Amino acid sequence: MANETVHQEDPDATATSVVPESAFCSSLRSKKFFMIDALPTDASQYLDASNHCWCRITQQVTGPDGGGVQPDSCVAGRDCYTSAFAARTV
């Protein structure tokens, strides 16, 4: 089309983007997680009476680093933590 603007990325440009940290790792899951319609900001949004959580990556109660999966441990600073704001590659 005549009025279309085409944006091309400069392959020589270096992009440094800072991804803000989310309250919890993007891989933290629980049954209650699937019932909310927003990004969890509090542990109570994950935990129900069972207190059962799992890692989306391992599908287990232990994360990729071998540590336990709970809202209080799946936070920034852990080796396997990934911010929920980070772009996912498929």
PDB file of N, CA and C in Angstrom:
ATOM      1  N   MET A   1       0.835  -1.175   0.000  1.00  0.00           N
ATOM      2  CA  MET A   1       0.000   0.000   0.000  1.00  0.00           C
ATOM      3  C   MET A   1       0.880   1.237   0.000  1.00  0.00           C
ATOM      4  N   ALA A   2       0.377   2.292  -0.553  1.00  0.00           N
ATOM      5  CA  ALA A   2       1.158   3.504  -0.718  1.00  0.00           C
ATOM      6  C   ALA A   2       1.485   4.190   0.601  1.00  0.00           C
ATOM      7  N   ASN A   3       0.595   4.119   1.595  1.00  0.00           N
ATOM      8  CA  ASN A   3       0.800   4.827   2.855  1.00  0.00           C
ATOM      9  C   ASN A   3       1.414   3.958   3.948  1.00  0.00           C
ATOM     10  N   GLU A   4       1.805   2.741   3.623  1.00  0.00           N
ATOM     11  CA  GLU A   4       2.395   1.857   4.626  1.00  0.00           C
ATOM     12  C   GLU A   4       3.814   2.287   4.974  1.00  0.00           C
ATOM     13  N   THR A   5       4.141   2.180   6.226  1.00  0.00           N
ATOM     14  CA  THR A   5       5.498   2.459   6.673  1.00  0.00           C
ATOM     15  C   THR A   5       6.156   1.133   7.006  1.00  0.00           C
ATOM     16  N   VAL A   6       7.320   0.915   6.465  1.00  0.00           N
ATOM     17  CA  VAL A   6       8.043  -0.312   6.715  1.00  0.00           C
ATOM     18  C   VAL A   6       9.176   0.004   7.678  1.00  0.00           C
ATOM     19  N   HIS A   7       9.210  -0.721   8.777  1.00  0.00           N
ATOM     20  CA  HIS A   7      10.268  -0.545   9.769  1.00  0.00           C
ATOM     21  C   HIS A   7      11.210  -1.736   9.668  1.00  0.00           C
ATOM     22  N   GLN A   8      12.459  -1.454   9.457  1.00  0.00           N
ATOM     23  CA  GLN A   8      13.456  -2.508   9.399  1.00  0.00           C
ATOM     24  C   GLN A   8      14.396  -2.353  10.570  1.00  0.00           C
ATOM     25  N   GLU A   9      14.773  -3.497  11.115  1.00  0.00           N
ATOM     26  CA  GLU A   9      15.700  -3.464  12.232  1.00  0.00           C
ATOM     27  C   GLU A   9      17.118  -3.349  11.716  1.00  0.00           C
ATOM     28  N   ASP A  10      17.918  -2.560  12.390  1.00  0.00           N
ATOM     29  CA  ASP A  10      19.319  -2.391  12.048  1.00  0.00           C
ATOM     30  C   ASP A  10      20.107  -3.540  12.670  1.00  0.00           C
ATOM     31  N   PRO A  11      20.676  -4.426  11.844  1.00  0.00           N
ATOM     32  CA  PRO A  11      21.392  -5.578  12.413  1.00  0.00           C
ATOM     33  C   PRO A  11      22.632  -5.192  13.199  1.00  0.00           C
ATOM     34  N   ASP A  12      23.157  -3.987  12.994  1.00  0.00           N
ATOM     35  CA  ASP A  12      24.343  -3.549  13.710  1.00  0.00           C
ATOM     36  C   ASP A  12      24.009  -2.861  15.037  1.00  0.00           C
ATOM     37  N   ALA A  13      22.732  -2.564  15.246  1.00  0.00           N
ATOM     38  CA  ALA A  13      22.332  -1.879  16.478  1.00  0.00           C
ATOM     39  C   ALA A  13      22.301  -2.872  17.630  1.00  0.00           C
ATOM     40  N   THR A  14      22.774  -2.437  18.774  1.00  0.00           N
ATOM     41  CA  THR A  14      22.724  -3.289  19.956  1.00  0.00           C
ATOM     42  C   THR A  14      21.569  -2.832  20.822  1.00  0.00           C
ATOM     43  N   ALA A  15      20.688  -3.763  21.116  1.00  0.00           N
ATOM     44  CA  ALA A  15      19.527  -3.444  21.940  1.00  0.00           C
ATOM     45  C   ALA A  15      19.737  -4.023  23.319  1.00  0.00           C
ATOM     46  N   THR A  16      19.697  -3.163  24.292  1.00  0.00           N
ATOM     47  CA  THR A  16      19.778  -3.623  25.663  1.00  0.00           C
ATOM     48  C   THR A  16      18.468  -3.256  26.327  1.00  0.00           C
ATOM     49  N   SER A  17      17.662  -4.255  26.572  1.00  0.00           N
ATOM     50  CA  SER A  17      16.386  -3.994  27.217  1.00  0.00           C
ATOM     51  C   SER A  17      16.417  -4.600  28.615  1.00  0.00           C
ATOM     52  N   VAL A  18      15.870  -3.874  29.524  1.00  0.00           N
ATOM     53  CA  VAL A  18      15.807  -4.322  30.905  1.00  0.00           C
ATOM     54  C   VAL A  18      14.395  -4.835  31.146  1.00  0.00           C
ATOM     55  N   VAL A  19      14.293  -6.080  31.562  1.00  0.00           N
ATOM     56  CA  VAL A  19      12.995  -6.681  31.839  1.00  0.00           C
ATOM     57  C   VAL A  19      12.693  -6.501  33.324  1.00  0.00           C
ATOM     58  N   PRO A  20      11.578  -5.858  33.646  1.00  0.00           N
ATOM     59  CA  PRO A  20      11.241  -5.697  35.060  1.00  0.00           C
ATOM     60  C   PRO A  20      10.938  -7.052  35.697  1.00  0.00           C
ATOM     61  N   GLU A  21      11.269  -7.176  36.956  1.00  0.00           N
ATOM     62  CA  GLU A  21      11.021  -8.423  37.665  1.00  0.00           C
ATOM     63  C   GLU A  21       9.557  -8.496  38.084  1.00  0.00           C
ATOM     64  N   SER A  22       8.974  -9.672  37.932  1.00  0.00           N
ATOM     65  CA  SER A  22       7.628  -9.907  38.426  1.00  0.00           C
ATOM     66  C   SER A  22       7.734 -10.432  39.854  1.00  0.00           C
ATOM     67  N   ALA A  23       6.626 -10.426  40.562  1.00  0.00           N
ATOM     68  CA  ALA A  23       6.644 -10.870  41.962  1.00  0.00           C
ATOM     69  C   ALA A  23       7.038 -12.336  42.098  1.00  0.00           C
ATOM     70  N   PHE A  24       6.671 -13.142  41.103  1.00  0.00           N
ATOM     71  CA  PHE A  24       6.945 -14.578  41.132  1.00  0.00           C
ATOM     72  C   PHE A  24       7.463 -15.021  39.779  1.00  0.00           C
ATOM     73  N   CYS A  25       8.114 -16.180  39.751  1.00  0.00           N
ATOM     74  CA  CYS A  25       8.622 -16.747  38.509  1.00  0.00           C
ATOM     75  C   CYS A  25       7.465 -17.025  37.546  1.00  0.00           C
ATOM     76  N   SER A  26       7.717 -16.830  36.275  1.00  0.00           N
ATOM     77  CA  SER A  26       6.681 -17.060  35.268  1.00  0.00           C
ATOM     78  C   SER A  26       6.302 -18.529  35.143  1.00  0.00           C
ATOM     79  N   SER A  27       7.096 -19.432  35.691  1.00  0.00           N
ATOM     80  CA  SER A  27       6.815 -20.863  35.586  1.00  0.00           C
ATOM     81  C   SER A  27       6.083 -21.437  36.795  1.00  0.00           C
ATOM     82  N   LEU A  28       5.845 -20.635  37.815  1.00  0.00           N
ATOM     83  CA  LEU A  28       5.135 -21.097  39.009  1.00  0.00           C
ATOM     84  C   LEU A  28       3.666 -21.333  38.669  1.00  0.00           C
ATOM     85  N   ARG A  29       3.168 -22.518  39.015  1.00  0.00           N
ATOM     86  CA  ARG A  29       1.782 -22.867  38.718  1.00  0.00           C
ATOM     87  C   ARG A  29       1.116 -23.510  39.927  1.00  0.00           C
ATOM     88  N   SER A  30      -0.214 -23.403  39.964  1.00  0.00           N
ATOM     89  CA  SER A  30      -1.056 -24.067  40.952  1.00  0.00           C
ATOM     90  C   SER A  30      -2.454 -24.127  40.358  1.00  0.00           C
ATOM     91  N   LYS A  31      -3.331 -24.902  40.968  1.00  0.00           N
ATOM     92  CA  LYS A  31      -4.709 -24.935  40.469  1.00  0.00           C
ATOM     93  C   LYS A  31      -5.342 -23.554  40.571  1.00  0.00           C
ATOM     94  N   LYS A  32      -5.082 -22.861  41.650  1.00  0.00           N
ATOM     95  CA  LYS A  32      -5.678 -21.542  41.869  1.00  0.00           C
ATOM     96  C   LYS A  32      -5.162 -20.513  40.858  1.00  0.00           C
ATOM     97  N   PHE A  33      -3.934 -20.702  40.381  1.00  0.00           N
ATOM     98  CA  PHE A  33      -3.347 -19.803  39.381  1.00  0.00           C
ATOM     99  C   PHE A  33      -4.248 -19.693  38.153  1.00  0.00           C
ATOM    100  N   PHE A  34      -4.857 -20.787  37.762  1.00  0.00           N
ATOM    101  CA  PHE A  34      -5.686 -20.806  36.561  1.00  0.00           C
ATOM    102  C   PHE A  34      -7.062 -20.194  36.771  1.00  0.00           C
ATOM    103  N   MET A  35      -7.372 -19.793  37.985  1.00  0.00           N
ATOM    104  CA  MET A  35      -8.671 -19.190  38.287  1.00  0.00           C
ATOM    105  C   MET A  35      -8.621 -17.665  38.344  1.00  0.00           C
ATOM    106  N   ILE A  36      -7.440 -17.080  38.285  1.00  0.00           N
ATOM    107  CA  ILE A  36      -7.344 -15.622  38.342  1.00  0.00           C
ATOM    108  C   ILE A  36      -7.167 -15.072  36.926  1.00  0.00           C
ATOM    109  N   ASP A  37      -7.509 -13.829  36.750  1.00  0.00           N
ATOM    110  CA  ASP A  37      -7.439 -13.229  35.423  1.00  0.00           C
ATOM    111  C   ASP A  37      -6.395 -12.123  35.308  1.00  0.00           C
ATOM    112  N   ALA A  38      -5.421 -12.162  36.184  1.00  0.00           N
ATOM    113  CA  ALA A  38      -4.356 -11.161  36.167  1.00  0.00           C
ATOM    114  C   ALA A  38      -3.068 -11.807  36.653  1.00  0.00           C
ATOM    115  N   LEU A  39      -1.982 -11.103  36.485  1.00  0.00           N
ATOM    116  CA  LEU A  39      -0.691 -11.584  36.959  1.00  0.00           C
ATOM    117  C   LEU A  39      -0.699 -11.626  38.485  1.00  0.00           C
ATOM    118  N   PRO A  40      -0.389 -12.771  39.097  1.00  0.00           N
ATOM    119  CA  PRO A  40      -0.396 -12.863  40.559  1.00  0.00           C
ATOM    120  C   PRO A  40       0.622 -11.913  41.190  1.00  0.00           C
ATOM    121  N   THR A  41       0.197 -11.245  42.236  1.00  0.00           N
ATOM    122  CA  THR A  41       1.070 -10.321  42.950  1.00  0.00           C
ATOM    123  C   THR A  41       1.221 -10.686  44.420  1.00  0.00           C
ATOM    124  N   ASP A  42       0.490 -11.723  44.845  1.00  0.00           N
ATOM    125  CA  ASP A  42       0.498 -12.132  46.239  1.00  0.00           C
ATOM    126  C   ASP A  42       0.459 -13.660  46.297  1.00  0.00           C
ATOM    127  N   ALA A  43       1.136 -14.248  47.273  1.00  0.00           N
ATOM    128  CA  ALA A  43       1.186 -15.704  47.407  1.00  0.00           C
ATOM    129  C   ALA A  43      -0.202 -16.317  47.535  1.00  0.00           C
ATOM    130  N   SER A  44      -1.140 -15.598  48.144  1.00  0.00           N
ATOM    131  CA  SER A  44      -2.493 -16.130  48.322  1.00  0.00           C
ATOM    132  C   SER A  44      -3.194 -16.367  46.986  1.00  0.00           C
ATOM    133  N   GLN A  45      -2.714 -15.756  45.925  1.00  0.00           N
ATOM    134  CA  GLN A  45      -3.303 -15.971  44.607  1.00  0.00           C
ATOM    135  C   GLN A  45      -2.843 -17.294  43.997  1.00  0.00           C
ATOM    136  N   TYR A  46      -1.877 -17.937  44.598  1.00  0.00           N
ATOM    137  CA  TYR A  46      -1.425 -19.272  44.190  1.00  0.00           C
ATOM    138  C   TYR A  46      -1.940 -20.355  45.118  1.00  0.00           C
ATOM    139  N   LEU A  47      -1.935 -20.082  46.404  1.00  0.00           N
ATOM    140  CA  LEU A  47      -2.161 -21.127  47.398  1.00  0.00           C
ATOM    141  C   LEU A  47      -3.628 -21.303  47.754  1.00  0.00           C
ATOM    142  N   ASP A  48      -4.063 -22.561  47.713  1.00  0.00           N
ATOM    143  CA  ASP A  48      -5.378 -22.917  48.208  1.00  0.00           C
ATOM    144  C   ASP A  48      -5.177 -23.799  49.447  1.00  0.00           C
ATOM    145  N   ALA A  49      -6.190 -24.510  49.857  1.00  0.00           N
ATOM    146  CA  ALA A  49      -6.080 -25.331  51.072  1.00  0.00           C
ATOM    147  C   ALA A  49      -5.002 -26.415  50.958  1.00  0.00           C
ATOM    148  N   SER A  50      -4.704 -26.854  49.732  1.00  0.00           N
ATOM    149  CA  SER A  50      -3.702 -27.907  49.558  1.00  0.00           C
ATOM    150  C   SER A  50      -2.268 -27.376  49.590  1.00  0.00           C
ATOM    151  N   ASN A  51      -2.080 -26.094  49.354  1.00  0.00           N
ATOM    152  CA  ASN A  51      -0.756 -25.467  49.254  1.00  0.00           C
ATOM    153  C   ASN A  51       0.134 -26.123  48.196  1.00  0.00           C
ATOM    154  N   HIS A  52      -0.474 -26.741  47.190  1.00  0.00           N
ATOM    155  CA  HIS A  52       0.281 -27.460  46.162  1.00  0.00           C
ATOM    156  C   HIS A  52       0.598 -26.551  44.974  1.00  0.00           C
ATOM    157  N   CYS A  53       1.870 -26.445  44.656  1.00  0.00           N
ATOM    158  CA  CYS A  53       2.337 -25.693  43.496  1.00  0.00           C
ATOM    159  C   CYS A  53       3.298 -26.583  42.717  1.00  0.00           C
ATOM    160  N   TRP A  54       3.519 -26.248  41.451  1.00  0.00           N
ATOM    161  CA  TRP A  54       4.481 -26.983  40.638  1.00  0.00           C
ATOM    162  C   TRP A  54       5.133 -26.023  39.652  1.00  0.00           C
ATOM    163  N   CYS A  55       6.198 -26.500  39.046  1.00  0.00           N
ATOM    164  CA  CYS A  55       6.934 -25.730  38.058  1.00  0.00           C
ATOM    165  C   CYS A  55       6.444 -26.107  36.661  1.00  0.00           C
ATOM    166  N   ARG A  56       6.162 -25.126  35.846  1.00  0.00           N
ATOM    167  CA  ARG A  56       5.710 -25.361  34.475  1.00  0.00           C
ATOM    168  C   ARG A  56       6.795 -26.051  33.656  1.00  0.00           C
ATOM    169  N   ILE A  57       8.040 -25.787  33.951  1.00  0.00           N
ATOM    170  CA  ILE A  57       9.151 -26.362  33.190  1.00  0.00           C
ATOM    171  C   ILE A  57       9.337 -27.844  33.517  1.00  0.00           C
ATOM    172  N   THR A  58       9.415 -28.170  34.809  1.00  0.00           N
ATOM    173  CA  THR A  58       9.691 -29.550  35.218  1.00  0.00           C
ATOM    174  C   THR A  58       8.425 -30.379  35.402  1.00  0.00           C
ATOM    175  N   GLN A  59       7.283 -29.704  35.568  1.00  0.00           N
ATOM    176  CA  GLN A  59       6.015 -30.375  35.875  1.00  0.00           C
ATOM    177  C   GLN A  59       6.108 -31.154  37.192  1.00  0.00           C
ATOM    178  N   GLN A  60       6.949 -30.657  38.087  1.00  0.00           N
ATOM    179  CA  GLN A  60       7.168 -31.297  39.379  1.00  0.00           C
ATOM    180  C   GLN A  60       7.123 -30.244  40.489  1.00  0.00           C
ATOM    181  N   VAL A  61       7.230 -30.708  41.725  1.00  0.00           N
ATOM    182  CA  VAL A  61       7.274 -29.795  42.868  1.00  0.00           C
ATOM    183  C   VAL A  61       8.680 -29.282  43.133  1.00  0.00           C
ATOM    184  N   THR A  62       9.603 -29.641  42.254  1.00  0.00           N
ATOM    185  CA  THR A  62      10.961 -29.100  42.304  1.00  0.00           C
ATOM    186  C   THR A  62      11.232 -28.369  40.995  1.00  0.00           C
ATOM    187  N   GLY A  63      11.970 -27.282  41.091  1.00  0.00           N
ATOM    188  CA  GLY A  63      12.298 -26.497  39.908  1.00  0.00           C
ATOM    189  C   GLY A  63      13.498 -27.061  39.178  1.00  0.00           C
ATOM    190  N   PRO A  64      13.898 -26.424  38.063  1.00  0.00           N
ATOM    191  CA  PRO A  64      15.056 -26.880  37.300  1.00  0.00           C
ATOM    192  C   PRO A  64      16.350 -26.894  38.100  1.00  0.00           C
ATOM    193  N   ASP A  65      16.399 -26.089  39.157  1.00  0.00           N
ATOM    194  CA  ASP A  65      17.599 -26.040  39.992  1.00  0.00           C
ATOM    195  C   ASP A  65      17.564 -27.048  41.136  1.00  0.00           C
ATOM    196  N   GLY A  66      16.504 -27.850  41.230  1.00  0.00           N
ATOM    197  CA  GLY A  66      16.382 -28.854  42.279  1.00  0.00           C
ATOM    198  C   GLY A  66      15.728 -28.355  43.554  1.00  0.00           C
ATOM    199  N   GLY A  67      15.457 -27.054  43.621  1.00  0.00           N
ATOM    200  CA  GLY A  67      14.824 -26.482  44.805  1.00  0.00           C
ATOM    201  C   GLY A  67      13.313 -26.630  44.781  1.00  0.00           C
ATOM    202  N   GLY A  68      12.707 -26.513  45.951  1.00  0.00           N
ATOM    203  CA  GLY A  68      11.263 -26.636  46.080  1.00  0.00           C
ATOM    204  C   GLY A  68      10.514 -25.496  45.400  1.00  0.00           C
ATOM    205  N   VAL A  69       9.278 -25.785  45.014  1.00  0.00           N
ATOM    206  CA  VAL A  69       8.439 -24.819  44.312  1.00  0.00           C
ATOM    207  C   VAL A  69       7.344 -24.326  45.245  1.00  0.00           C
ATOM    208  N   GLN A  70       7.424 -23.079  45.619  1.00  0.00           N
ATOM    209  CA  GLN A  70       6.433 -22.391  46.441  1.00  0.00           C
ATOM    210  C   GLN A  70       6.545 -20.902  46.124  1.00  0.00           C
ATOM    211  N   PRO A  71       5.480 -20.140  46.320  1.00  0.00           N
ATOM    212  CA  PRO A  71       5.557 -18.706  46.030  1.00  0.00           C
ATOM    213  C   PRO A  71       6.697 -17.990  46.752  1.00  0.00           C
ATOM    214  N   ASP A  72       7.007 -18.394  47.985  1.00  0.00           N
ATOM    215  CA  ASP A  72       8.069 -17.696  48.717  1.00  0.00           C
ATOM    216  C   ASP A  72       9.467 -18.054  48.243  1.00  0.00           C
ATOM    217  N   SER A  73       9.606 -19.104  47.437  1.00  0.00           N
ATOM    218  CA  SER A  73      10.938 -19.467  46.944  1.00  0.00           C
ATOM    219  C   SER A  73      11.104 -19.240  45.438  1.00  0.00           C
ATOM    220  N   CYS A  74      10.030 -19.083  44.707  1.00  0.00           N
ATOM    221  CA  CYS A  74      10.102 -18.872  43.254  1.00  0.00           C
ATOM    222  C   CYS A  74      10.057 -17.376  42.943  1.00  0.00           C
ATOM    223  N   VAL A  75      11.137 -16.708  43.315  1.00  0.00           N
ATOM    224  CA  VAL A  75      11.223 -15.255  43.203  1.00  0.00           C
ATOM    225  C   VAL A  75      12.552 -14.856  42.555  1.00  0.00           C
ATOM    226  N   ALA A  76      12.665 -13.589  42.236  1.00  0.00           N
ATOM    227  CA  ALA A  76      13.901 -13.067  41.645  1.00  0.00           C
ATOM    228  C   ALA A  76      15.086 -13.398  42.534  1.00  0.00           C
ATOM    229  N   GLY A  77      16.190 -13.743  41.917  1.00  0.00           N
ATOM    230  CA  GLY A  77      17.383 -14.119  42.646  1.00  0.00           C
ATOM    231  C   GLY A  77      17.651 -15.610  42.567  1.00  0.00           C
ATOM    232  N   ARG A  78      16.617 -16.384  42.341  1.00  0.00           N
ATOM    233  CA  ARG A  78      16.797 -17.829  42.166  1.00  0.00           C
ATOM    234  C   ARG A  78      17.337 -18.078  40.761  1.00  0.00           C
ATOM    235  N   ASP A  79      18.245 -19.040  40.624  1.00  0.00           N
ATOM    236  CA  ASP A  79      18.904 -19.297  39.345  1.00  0.00           C
ATOM    237  C   ASP A  79      17.939 -19.581  38.200  1.00  0.00           C
ATOM    238  N   CYS A  80      16.835 -20.259  38.467  1.00  0.00           N
ATOM    239  CA  CYS A  80      15.915 -20.638  37.393  1.00  0.00           C
ATOM    240  C   CYS A  80      14.775 -19.633  37.208  1.00  0.00           C
ATOM    241  N   TYR A  81      14.755 -18.556  37.985  1.00  0.00           N
ATOM    242  CA  TYR A  81      13.702 -17.537  37.895  1.00  0.00           C
ATOM    243  C   TYR A  81      13.685 -16.866  36.529  1.00  0.00           C
ATOM    244  N   THR A  82      12.474 -16.691  35.998  1.00  0.00           N
ATOM    245  CA  THR A  82      12.257 -15.912  34.784  1.00  0.00           C
ATOM    246  C   THR A  82      11.084 -14.976  35.057  1.00  0.00           C
ATOM    247  N   SER A  83      11.255 -13.712  34.768  1.00  0.00           N
ATOM    248  CA  SER A  83      10.196 -12.743  34.996  1.00  0.00           C
ATOM    249  C   SER A  83       9.000 -13.034  34.091  1.00  0.00           C
ATOM    250  N   ALA A  84       7.823 -12.852  34.624  1.00  0.00           N
ATOM    251  CA  ALA A  84       6.596 -13.021  33.836  1.00  0.00           C
ATOM    252  C   ALA A  84       6.495 -11.952  32.754  1.00  0.00           C
ATOM    253  N   PHE A  85       7.290 -10.907  32.854  1.00  0.00           N
ATOM    254  CA  PHE A  85       7.286  -9.834  31.859  1.00  0.00           C
ATOM    255  C   PHE A  85       8.240 -10.104  30.700  1.00  0.00           C
ATOM    256  N   ALA A  86       9.049 -11.142  30.807  1.00  0.00           N
ATOM    257  CA  ALA A  86      10.022 -11.465  29.762  1.00  0.00           C
ATOM    258  C   ALA A  86       9.307 -12.046  28.547  1.00  0.00           C
ATOM    259  N   ALA A  87       9.790 -11.715  27.371  1.00  0.00           N
ATOM    260  CA  ALA A  87       9.218 -12.267  26.147  1.00  0.00           C
ATOM    261  C   ALA A  87       9.547 -13.755  26.074  1.00  0.00           C
ATOM    262  N   ARG A  88       8.560 -14.528  25.718  1.00  0.00           N
ATOM    263  CA  ARG A  88       8.768 -15.973  25.613  1.00  0.00           C
ATOM    264  C   ARG A  88       9.141 -16.334  24.195  1.00  0.00           C
ATOM    265  N   THR A  89      10.085 -17.229  24.064  1.00  0.00           N
ATOM    266  CA  THR A  89      10.470 -17.732  22.749  1.00  0.00           C
ATOM    267  C   THR A  89       9.878 -19.132  22.603  1.00  0.00           C
ATOM    268  N   VAL A  90       9.339 -19.373  21.458  1.00  0.00           N
ATOM    269  CA  VAL A  90       8.680 -20.662  21.244  1.00  0.00           C
ATOM    270  C   VAL A  90       9.471 -21.514  20.302  1.00  0.00           C
TER     271      VAL A  90
END
